[in-house]
Amino acid sequence: MSKKVAVIMGSDSDFPVVKSAVEKLKSFGVPYEVHVMSAHRTPELAAEFSKHAVENGFGVIIAAAGKAAHLGGVLAAHTILPVIGIPVKSDALDGMDALLATVQMPPGIPVATVGINSAANAGILAVQMLALSDSELAEALQKMKSDMAEGVKKKDLAMQELVKSL
């Protein structure tokens, strides 16, 4: 069985964004847990969770937070697991504050960062990381890529027909 992915969000209000990461993990059959922890309101809880993530069967942590929250960094500081940050867009600064807070980490504490609100990509990236040691996940990812390519080819054919009819 594949290792679990932890999906941690700074607030339950982040779930509408985070949901697509959970859906991607579920579509690949990857076990996951979803939790709310705050880098600033519950820093001890976040640190304890990440300190024990390996022994609790996790292989990757996804951290979603808005504004200038450093959830990904707090989690990454306390684990050797890869941490993927999802900067969550807020009303202030259109999510640029969250992007910069997530991506600008000091040497030795990396947080792989996807685009603002790009939770689906975070889910796929987590699956790709787990697929390094799981051939079934690797095959499923290859099928996803092939299916995407076929979809683009079909759209191209339809576009050629549309252009011909002009």
N, C-alpha and C. Protein backbone atom coordinates (compact mmCIF):
# COMPACT_ATOMS: atom_id res chain seq x y z
N MET A 1 0.84 -1.19 0.00
CA MET A 1 0.00 0.00 0.00
C MET A 1 0.88 1.24 0.00
N SER A 2 0.43 2.24 -0.69
CA SER A 2 1.15 3.50 -0.80
C SER A 2 1.14 4.24 0.52
N LYS A 3 2.15 5.06 0.72
CA LYS A 3 2.17 5.92 1.89
C LYS A 3 1.04 6.94 1.78
N LYS A 4 0.67 7.50 2.92
CA LYS A 4 -0.41 8.49 2.95
C LYS A 4 0.12 9.88 2.60
N VAL A 5 -0.79 10.73 2.20
CA VAL A 5 -0.50 12.13 1.99
C VAL A 5 -1.28 12.92 3.03
N ALA A 6 -0.59 13.81 3.72
CA ALA A 6 -1.25 14.71 4.66
C ALA A 6 -1.62 15.98 3.92
N VAL A 7 -2.85 16.38 4.03
CA VAL A 7 -3.31 17.64 3.44
C VAL A 7 -3.69 18.54 4.61
N ILE A 8 -2.87 19.55 4.81
CA ILE A 8 -3.04 20.44 5.96
C ILE A 8 -3.41 21.82 5.45
N MET A 9 -4.44 22.40 6.03
CA MET A 9 -4.82 23.77 5.64
C MET A 9 -4.86 24.64 6.88
N GLY A 10 -4.53 25.90 6.68
CA GLY A 10 -4.47 26.84 7.79
C GLY A 10 -5.82 27.19 8.37
N SER A 11 -6.87 27.04 7.57
CA SER A 11 -8.22 27.37 8.01
C SER A 11 -9.21 26.52 7.22
N ASP A 12 -10.34 26.22 7.83
CA ASP A 12 -11.35 25.46 7.11
C ASP A 12 -11.89 26.23 5.91
N SER A 13 -11.71 27.55 5.90
CA SER A 13 -12.14 28.34 4.75
C SER A 13 -11.29 28.08 3.51
N ASP A 14 -10.15 27.39 3.68
CA ASP A 14 -9.29 27.03 2.55
C ASP A 14 -9.79 25.77 1.83
N PHE A 15 -10.74 25.06 2.42
CA PHE A 15 -11.15 23.79 1.83
C PHE A 15 -11.70 23.87 0.41
N PRO A 16 -12.48 24.89 0.05
CA PRO A 16 -12.93 24.94 -1.35
C PRO A 16 -11.78 24.91 -2.36
N VAL A 17 -10.64 25.47 -2.00
CA VAL A 17 -9.45 25.39 -2.86
C VAL A 17 -8.80 24.01 -2.74
N VAL A 18 -8.60 23.56 -1.52
CA VAL A 18 -7.88 22.32 -1.24
C VAL A 18 -8.61 21.08 -1.77
N LYS A 19 -9.92 21.18 -1.90
CA LYS A 19 -10.75 20.03 -2.31
C LYS A 19 -10.23 19.36 -3.57
N SER A 20 -9.75 20.12 -4.54
CA SER A 20 -9.29 19.50 -5.79
C SER A 20 -8.03 18.66 -5.59
N ALA A 21 -7.20 18.98 -4.61
CA ALA A 21 -6.04 18.13 -4.29
C ALA A 21 -6.52 16.80 -3.73
N VAL A 22 -7.49 16.87 -2.84
CA VAL A 22 -8.06 15.66 -2.24
C VAL A 22 -8.71 14.80 -3.32
N GLU A 23 -9.42 15.42 -4.25
CA GLU A 23 -10.05 14.67 -5.33
C GLU A 23 -9.02 13.97 -6.20
N LYS A 24 -7.89 14.64 -6.48
CA LYS A 24 -6.82 14.00 -7.28
C LYS A 24 -6.24 12.80 -6.53
N LEU A 25 -5.95 12.97 -5.25
CA LEU A 25 -5.41 11.85 -4.46
C LEU A 25 -6.38 10.68 -4.48
N LYS A 26 -7.65 10.98 -4.28
CA LYS A 26 -8.67 9.93 -4.27
C LYS A 26 -8.75 9.23 -5.63
N SER A 27 -8.64 10.00 -6.71
CA SER A 27 -8.75 9.40 -8.05
C SER A 27 -7.61 8.42 -8.34
N PHE A 28 -6.48 8.61 -7.68
CA PHE A 28 -5.34 7.69 -7.84
C PHE A 28 -5.32 6.61 -6.76
N GLY A 29 -6.29 6.63 -5.87
CA GLY A 29 -6.34 5.64 -4.80
C GLY A 29 -5.29 5.84 -3.72
N VAL A 30 -4.80 7.06 -3.59
CA VAL A 30 -3.77 7.36 -2.59
C VAL A 30 -4.46 7.68 -1.26
N PRO A 31 -4.06 7.00 -0.19
CA PRO A 31 -4.67 7.32 1.10
C PRO A 31 -4.23 8.70 1.58
N TYR A 32 -5.12 9.38 2.28
CA TYR A 32 -4.82 10.73 2.72
C TYR A 32 -5.54 11.03 4.02
N GLU A 33 -5.07 12.06 4.69
CA GLU A 33 -5.76 12.64 5.84
C GLU A 33 -5.81 14.14 5.60
N VAL A 34 -6.89 14.77 6.03
CA VAL A 34 -7.06 16.21 5.89
C VAL A 34 -7.21 16.80 7.29
N HIS A 35 -6.41 17.84 7.58
CA HIS A 35 -6.45 18.48 8.90
C HIS A 35 -6.39 20.00 8.76
N VAL A 36 -6.89 20.68 9.77
CA VAL A 36 -6.75 22.14 9.89
C VAL A 36 -5.76 22.40 11.01
N MET A 37 -4.68 23.11 10.66
CA MET A 37 -3.65 23.52 11.63
C MET A 37 -3.13 24.86 11.17
N SER A 38 -2.83 25.70 12.11
CA SER A 38 -2.37 27.03 11.78
C SER A 38 -0.91 27.21 12.18
N ALA A 39 -0.13 27.82 11.28
CA ALA A 39 1.26 28.12 11.59
C ALA A 39 1.37 29.11 12.73
N HIS A 40 0.35 29.93 12.92
CA HIS A 40 0.41 30.99 13.92
C HIS A 40 -0.50 30.76 15.11
N ARG A 41 -1.65 30.13 14.89
CA ARG A 41 -2.59 29.92 15.99
C ARG A 41 -2.37 28.59 16.70
N THR A 42 -1.83 27.59 15.99
CA THR A 42 -1.53 26.29 16.60
C THR A 42 -0.14 25.81 16.15
N PRO A 43 0.90 26.60 16.36
CA PRO A 43 2.22 26.21 15.87
C PRO A 43 2.75 24.93 16.49
N GLU A 44 2.45 24.68 17.76
CA GLU A 44 2.92 23.45 18.40
C GLU A 44 2.27 22.22 17.78
N LEU A 45 0.98 22.33 17.49
CA LEU A 45 0.26 21.22 16.87
C LEU A 45 0.83 20.91 15.49
N ALA A 46 1.10 21.95 14.71
CA ALA A 46 1.67 21.75 13.37
C ALA A 46 3.06 21.13 13.47
N ALA A 47 3.87 21.61 14.39
CA ALA A 47 5.22 21.07 14.56
C ALA A 47 5.17 19.61 15.00
N GLU A 48 4.31 19.29 15.94
CA GLU A 48 4.19 17.90 16.42
C GLU A 48 3.72 16.97 15.30
N PHE A 49 2.74 17.44 14.53
CA PHE A 49 2.24 16.62 13.43
C PHE A 49 3.37 16.28 12.46
N SER A 50 4.13 17.29 12.05
CA SER A 50 5.17 17.04 11.04
C SER A 50 6.34 16.26 11.63
N LYS A 51 6.64 16.43 12.91
CA LYS A 51 7.72 15.65 13.55
C LYS A 51 7.43 14.16 13.50
N HIS A 52 6.16 13.80 13.59
CA HIS A 52 5.77 12.39 13.65
C HIS A 52 5.16 11.87 12.35
N ALA A 53 5.22 12.66 11.30
CA ALA A 53 4.56 12.28 10.04
C ALA A 53 5.15 11.01 9.43
N VAL A 54 6.46 10.86 9.46
CA VAL A 54 7.08 9.66 8.88
C VAL A 54 6.62 8.42 9.62
N GLU A 55 6.71 8.44 10.94
CA GLU A 55 6.33 7.26 11.72
C GLU A 55 4.83 6.99 11.64
N ASN A 56 4.05 8.00 11.28
CA ASN A 56 2.60 7.81 11.12
C ASN A 56 2.20 7.42 9.70
N GLY A 57 3.17 7.08 8.88
CA GLY A 57 2.88 6.51 7.56
C GLY A 57 2.72 7.49 6.42
N PHE A 58 3.09 8.74 6.62
CA PHE A 58 2.97 9.73 5.55
C PHE A 58 4.22 9.72 4.67
N GLY A 59 4.01 10.04 3.40
CA GLY A 59 5.12 10.13 2.45
C GLY A 59 5.30 11.53 1.90
N VAL A 60 4.25 12.33 1.96
CA VAL A 60 4.26 13.70 1.44
C VAL A 60 3.28 14.52 2.28
N ILE A 61 3.59 15.81 2.45
CA ILE A 61 2.67 16.72 3.12
C ILE A 61 2.32 17.84 2.14
N ILE A 62 1.05 18.11 2.02
CA ILE A 62 0.56 19.27 1.25
C ILE A 62 0.08 20.30 2.27
N ALA A 63 0.54 21.54 2.12
CA ALA A 63 0.18 22.60 3.05
C ALA A 63 -0.45 23.77 2.30
N ALA A 64 -1.67 24.12 2.65
CA ALA A 64 -2.37 25.23 1.99
C ALA A 64 -2.63 26.34 2.99
N ALA A 65 -2.23 27.55 2.60
CA ALA A 65 -2.46 28.70 3.49
C ALA A 65 -2.53 29.97 2.67
N GLY A 66 -3.31 30.90 3.17
CA GLY A 66 -3.44 32.20 2.52
C GLY A 66 -2.71 33.28 3.29
N LYS A 67 -2.75 34.46 2.71
CA LYS A 67 -2.08 35.64 3.25
C LYS A 67 -0.59 35.33 3.41
N ALA A 68 0.04 35.80 4.46
CA ALA A 68 1.48 35.56 4.61
C ALA A 68 1.75 34.42 5.59
N ALA A 69 0.81 33.50 5.71
CA ALA A 69 0.99 32.37 6.62
C ALA A 69 2.13 31.48 6.15
N HIS A 70 2.88 30.97 7.07
CA HIS A 70 4.05 30.16 6.75
C HIS A 70 3.82 28.69 7.10
N LEU A 71 2.63 28.19 6.83
CA LEU A 71 2.30 26.82 7.21
C LEU A 71 3.25 25.81 6.57
N GLY A 72 3.48 25.93 5.27
CA GLY A 72 4.40 25.00 4.61
C GLY A 72 5.77 25.02 5.23
N GLY A 73 6.27 26.19 5.53
CA GLY A 73 7.59 26.33 6.14
C GLY A 73 7.65 25.75 7.54
N VAL A 74 6.62 25.97 8.33
CA VAL A 74 6.58 25.41 9.69
C VAL A 74 6.59 23.89 9.62
N LEU A 75 5.78 23.33 8.73
CA LEU A 75 5.75 21.88 8.59
C LEU A 75 7.09 21.35 8.07
N ALA A 76 7.65 22.01 7.06
CA ALA A 76 8.92 21.56 6.47
C ALA A 76 10.07 21.64 7.47
N ALA A 77 10.02 22.58 8.38
CA ALA A 77 11.09 22.75 9.36
C ALA A 77 11.20 21.56 10.32
N HIS A 78 10.12 20.78 10.43
CA HIS A 78 10.08 19.72 11.42
C HIS A 78 10.00 18.32 10.82
N THR A 79 10.28 18.17 9.53
CA THR A 79 10.20 16.85 8.91
C THR A 79 11.21 16.73 7.79
N ILE A 80 11.51 15.48 7.43
CA ILE A 80 12.34 15.24 6.25
C ILE A 80 11.49 14.94 5.02
N LEU A 81 10.18 14.87 5.20
CA LEU A 81 9.29 14.60 4.07
C LEU A 81 9.21 15.80 3.14
N PRO A 82 8.94 15.55 1.85
CA PRO A 82 8.69 16.68 0.96
C PRO A 82 7.38 17.37 1.34
N VAL A 83 7.41 18.69 1.30
CA VAL A 83 6.23 19.50 1.59
C VAL A 83 5.91 20.29 0.33
N ILE A 84 4.64 20.23 -0.06
CA ILE A 84 4.16 20.96 -1.23
C ILE A 84 3.24 22.07 -0.72
N GLY A 85 3.56 23.29 -1.05
CA GLY A 85 2.75 24.42 -0.62
C GLY A 85 1.75 24.85 -1.66
N ILE A 86 0.54 25.14 -1.21
CA ILE A 86 -0.50 25.72 -2.06
C ILE A 86 -0.77 27.12 -1.53
N PRO A 87 -0.32 28.15 -2.23
CA PRO A 87 -0.69 29.50 -1.81
C PRO A 87 -2.17 29.74 -2.13
N VAL A 88 -2.92 30.16 -1.14
CA VAL A 88 -4.35 30.37 -1.30
C VAL A 88 -4.63 31.86 -1.49
N LYS A 89 -5.38 32.15 -2.55
CA LYS A 89 -5.73 33.53 -2.87
C LYS A 89 -6.67 34.10 -1.81
N SER A 90 -6.38 35.31 -1.41
CA SER A 90 -7.28 36.02 -0.50
C SER A 90 -7.62 37.37 -1.13
N ASP A 91 -8.48 38.11 -0.50
CA ASP A 91 -8.86 39.41 -1.04
C ASP A 91 -7.68 40.37 -1.12
N ALA A 92 -6.83 40.30 -0.11
CA ALA A 92 -5.67 41.19 -0.09
C ALA A 92 -4.57 40.64 -1.00
N LEU A 93 -4.09 41.44 -1.89
CA LEU A 93 -2.92 41.14 -2.73
C LEU A 93 -3.11 39.98 -3.70
N ASP A 94 -4.33 39.53 -3.91
CA ASP A 94 -4.64 38.47 -4.88
C ASP A 94 -3.83 37.19 -4.71
N GLY A 95 -3.36 36.92 -3.51
CA GLY A 95 -2.61 35.70 -3.26
C GLY A 95 -1.12 35.83 -3.44
N MET A 96 -0.65 36.98 -3.89
CA MET A 96 0.80 37.16 -4.07
C MET A 96 1.53 37.07 -2.73
N ASP A 97 0.90 37.54 -1.66
CA ASP A 97 1.52 37.43 -0.34
C ASP A 97 1.70 35.96 0.04
N ALA A 98 0.68 35.14 -0.20
CA ALA A 98 0.77 33.72 0.11
C ALA A 98 1.80 33.02 -0.78
N LEU A 99 1.84 33.40 -2.05
CA LEU A 99 2.82 32.82 -2.96
C LEU A 99 4.24 33.10 -2.48
N LEU A 100 4.53 34.34 -2.20
CA LEU A 100 5.88 34.70 -1.77
C LEU A 100 6.23 34.08 -0.42
N ALA A 101 5.27 34.04 0.51
CA ALA A 101 5.53 33.44 1.81
C ALA A 101 5.81 31.94 1.69
N THR A 102 5.22 31.31 0.70
CA THR A 102 5.38 29.86 0.52
C THR A 102 6.64 29.52 -0.25
N VAL A 103 6.93 30.27 -1.28
CA VAL A 103 8.04 29.93 -2.17
C VAL A 103 9.39 30.44 -1.68
N GLN A 104 9.42 31.51 -0.91
CA GLN A 104 10.69 32.12 -0.48
C GLN A 104 11.15 31.54 0.85
N MET A 105 11.66 30.32 0.80
CA MET A 105 12.11 29.64 2.00
C MET A 105 13.63 29.73 2.13
N PRO A 106 14.13 29.69 3.37
CA PRO A 106 15.58 29.75 3.56
C PRO A 106 16.25 28.44 3.14
N PRO A 107 17.55 28.49 2.85
CA PRO A 107 18.27 27.27 2.47
C PRO A 107 18.09 26.17 3.52
N GLY A 108 17.85 24.97 3.05
CA GLY A 108 17.70 23.82 3.93
C GLY A 108 16.28 23.49 4.32
N ILE A 109 15.34 24.38 4.02
CA ILE A 109 13.92 24.15 4.36
C ILE A 109 13.08 24.39 3.10
N PRO A 110 13.22 23.51 2.10
CA PRO A 110 12.46 23.74 0.86
C PRO A 110 10.98 23.42 1.02
N VAL A 111 10.18 24.18 0.30
CA VAL A 111 8.76 23.89 0.15
C VAL A 111 8.48 23.97 -1.35
N ALA A 112 8.19 22.83 -1.97
CA ALA A 112 7.82 22.82 -3.38
C ALA A 112 6.50 23.58 -3.47
N THR A 113 6.40 24.51 -4.38
CA THR A 113 5.23 25.39 -4.40
C THR A 113 4.55 25.35 -5.76
N VAL A 114 3.25 25.15 -5.75
CA VAL A 114 2.45 25.21 -6.97
C VAL A 114 1.86 26.61 -7.09
N GLY A 115 1.18 26.87 -8.17
CA GLY A 115 0.59 28.19 -8.39
C GLY A 115 -0.52 28.51 -7.39
N ILE A 116 -0.89 29.76 -7.36
CA ILE A 116 -1.95 30.23 -6.47
C ILE A 116 -3.23 29.45 -6.76
N ASN A 117 -3.79 28.85 -5.72
CA ASN A 117 -5.02 28.04 -5.79
C ASN A 117 -4.89 26.79 -6.67
N SER A 118 -3.67 26.37 -6.98
CA SER A 118 -3.45 25.22 -7.87
C SER A 118 -3.38 23.90 -7.09
N ALA A 119 -4.42 23.63 -6.34
CA ALA A 119 -4.44 22.44 -5.49
C ALA A 119 -4.41 21.14 -6.29
N ALA A 120 -5.06 21.11 -7.45
CA ALA A 120 -5.04 19.88 -8.26
C ALA A 120 -3.60 19.51 -8.62
N ASN A 121 -2.80 20.52 -8.98
CA ASN A 121 -1.39 20.23 -9.29
C ASN A 121 -0.64 19.76 -8.06
N ALA A 122 -0.98 20.26 -6.89
CA ALA A 122 -0.34 19.78 -5.66
C ALA A 122 -0.66 18.30 -5.45
N GLY A 123 -1.90 17.93 -5.70
CA GLY A 123 -2.27 16.52 -5.58
C GLY A 123 -1.51 15.65 -6.55
N ILE A 124 -1.42 16.10 -7.79
CA ILE A 124 -0.68 15.33 -8.80
C ILE A 124 0.80 15.25 -8.45
N LEU A 125 1.38 16.35 -8.00
CA LEU A 125 2.79 16.34 -7.62
C LEU A 125 3.04 15.38 -6.46
N ALA A 126 2.14 15.33 -5.50
CA ALA A 126 2.27 14.38 -4.40
C ALA A 126 2.24 12.94 -4.93
N VAL A 127 1.34 12.67 -5.86
CA VAL A 127 1.27 11.33 -6.46
C VAL A 127 2.57 11.02 -7.21
N GLN A 128 3.10 12.00 -7.94
CA GLN A 128 4.37 11.79 -8.65
C GLN A 128 5.49 11.45 -7.68
N MET A 129 5.53 12.12 -6.55
CA MET A 129 6.57 11.83 -5.55
C MET A 129 6.43 10.41 -5.02
N LEU A 130 5.22 10.00 -4.71
CA LEU A 130 4.98 8.65 -4.22
C LEU A 130 5.25 7.61 -5.30
N ALA A 131 5.03 7.98 -6.56
CA ALA A 131 5.22 7.05 -7.68
C ALA A 131 6.69 6.69 -7.89
N LEU A 132 7.60 7.43 -7.32
CA LEU A 132 9.01 7.09 -7.43
C LEU A 132 9.31 5.71 -6.85
N SER A 133 8.48 5.28 -5.90
CA SER A 133 8.68 3.97 -5.29
C SER A 133 7.41 3.11 -5.37
N ASP A 134 6.52 3.43 -6.30
CA ASP A 134 5.26 2.69 -6.44
C ASP A 134 4.93 2.58 -7.93
N SER A 135 5.20 1.41 -8.51
CA SER A 135 5.03 1.24 -9.95
C SER A 135 3.57 1.35 -10.39
N GLU A 136 2.62 0.98 -9.54
CA GLU A 136 1.20 1.11 -9.90
C GLU A 136 0.82 2.58 -10.05
N LEU A 137 1.30 3.42 -9.14
CA LEU A 137 1.03 4.85 -9.26
C LEU A 137 1.71 5.42 -10.50
N ALA A 138 2.92 4.95 -10.79
CA ALA A 138 3.64 5.42 -11.98
C ALA A 138 2.84 5.08 -13.24
N GLU A 139 2.29 3.89 -13.30
CA GLU A 139 1.48 3.49 -14.46
C GLU A 139 0.22 4.34 -14.57
N ALA A 140 -0.40 4.62 -13.44
CA ALA A 140 -1.62 5.44 -13.45
C ALA A 140 -1.30 6.86 -13.92
N LEU A 141 -0.16 7.39 -13.51
CA LEU A 141 0.25 8.72 -13.97
C LEU A 141 0.51 8.72 -15.47
N GLN A 142 1.15 7.66 -15.96
CA GLN A 142 1.41 7.57 -17.40
C GLN A 142 0.10 7.54 -18.18
N LYS A 143 -0.88 6.81 -17.66
CA LYS A 143 -2.19 6.76 -18.31
C LYS A 143 -2.84 8.14 -18.31
N MET A 144 -2.74 8.87 -17.21
CA MET A 144 -3.30 10.22 -17.14
C MET A 144 -2.67 11.10 -18.21
N LYS A 145 -1.35 11.02 -18.35
CA LYS A 145 -0.66 11.83 -19.35
C LYS A 145 -1.09 11.44 -20.77
N SER A 146 -1.22 10.15 -21.02
CA SER A 146 -1.66 9.68 -22.34
C SER A 146 -3.08 10.14 -22.63
N ASP A 147 -3.96 10.05 -21.64
CA ASP A 147 -5.34 10.50 -21.81
C ASP A 147 -5.39 12.00 -22.10
N MET A 148 -4.55 12.78 -21.43
CA MET A 148 -4.52 14.22 -21.69
C MET A 148 -4.06 14.49 -23.12
N ALA A 149 -3.05 13.77 -23.58
CA ALA A 149 -2.55 13.96 -24.94
C ALA A 149 -3.63 13.61 -25.96
N GLU A 150 -4.34 12.52 -25.74
CA GLU A 150 -5.42 12.13 -26.66
C GLU A 150 -6.51 13.19 -26.68
N GLY A 151 -6.82 13.76 -25.53
CA GLY A 151 -7.82 14.82 -25.47
C GLY A 151 -7.42 16.03 -26.29
N VAL A 152 -6.15 16.40 -26.23
CA VAL A 152 -5.67 17.54 -27.02
C VAL A 152 -5.72 17.22 -28.51
N LYS A 153 -5.35 16.00 -28.88
CA LYS A 153 -5.41 15.60 -30.30
C LYS A 153 -6.84 15.69 -30.84
N LYS A 154 -7.81 15.25 -30.04
CA LYS A 154 -9.21 15.32 -30.45
C LYS A 154 -9.65 16.77 -30.62
N LYS A 155 -9.22 17.62 -29.71
CA LYS A 155 -9.56 19.05 -29.82
C LYS A 155 -8.92 19.67 -31.06
N ASP A 156 -7.71 19.24 -31.38
CA ASP A 156 -7.05 19.75 -32.58
C ASP A 156 -7.81 19.33 -33.83
N LEU A 157 -8.22 18.08 -33.90
CA LEU A 157 -9.00 17.61 -35.05
C LEU A 157 -10.30 18.39 -35.19
N ALA A 158 -10.96 18.62 -34.07
CA ALA A 158 -12.22 19.40 -34.10
C ALA A 158 -11.94 20.83 -34.56
N MET A 159 -10.81 21.40 -34.15
CA MET A 159 -10.47 22.76 -34.55
C MET A 159 -10.19 22.80 -36.07
N GLN A 160 -9.53 21.77 -36.58
CA GLN A 160 -9.26 21.74 -38.03
C GLN A 160 -10.55 21.69 -38.82
N GLU A 161 -11.52 20.94 -38.35
CA GLU A 161 -12.83 20.86 -39.01
C GLU A 161 -13.55 22.20 -38.92
N LEU A 162 -13.46 22.85 -37.79
CA LEU A 162 -14.10 24.15 -37.61
C LEU A 162 -13.50 25.18 -38.54
N VAL A 163 -12.20 25.19 -38.65
CA VAL A 163 -11.52 26.16 -39.51
C VAL A 163 -11.86 25.92 -40.98
N LYS A 164 -11.96 24.67 -41.37
CA LYS A 164 -12.30 24.33 -42.75
C LYS A 164 -13.70 24.86 -43.11
N SER A 165 -14.58 24.87 -42.13
CA SER A 165 -15.96 25.27 -42.40
C SER A 165 -16.16 26.79 -42.44
N LEU A 166 -15.12 27.54 -42.19
CA LEU A 166 -15.25 29.01 -42.21
C LEU A 166 -15.31 29.55 -43.64
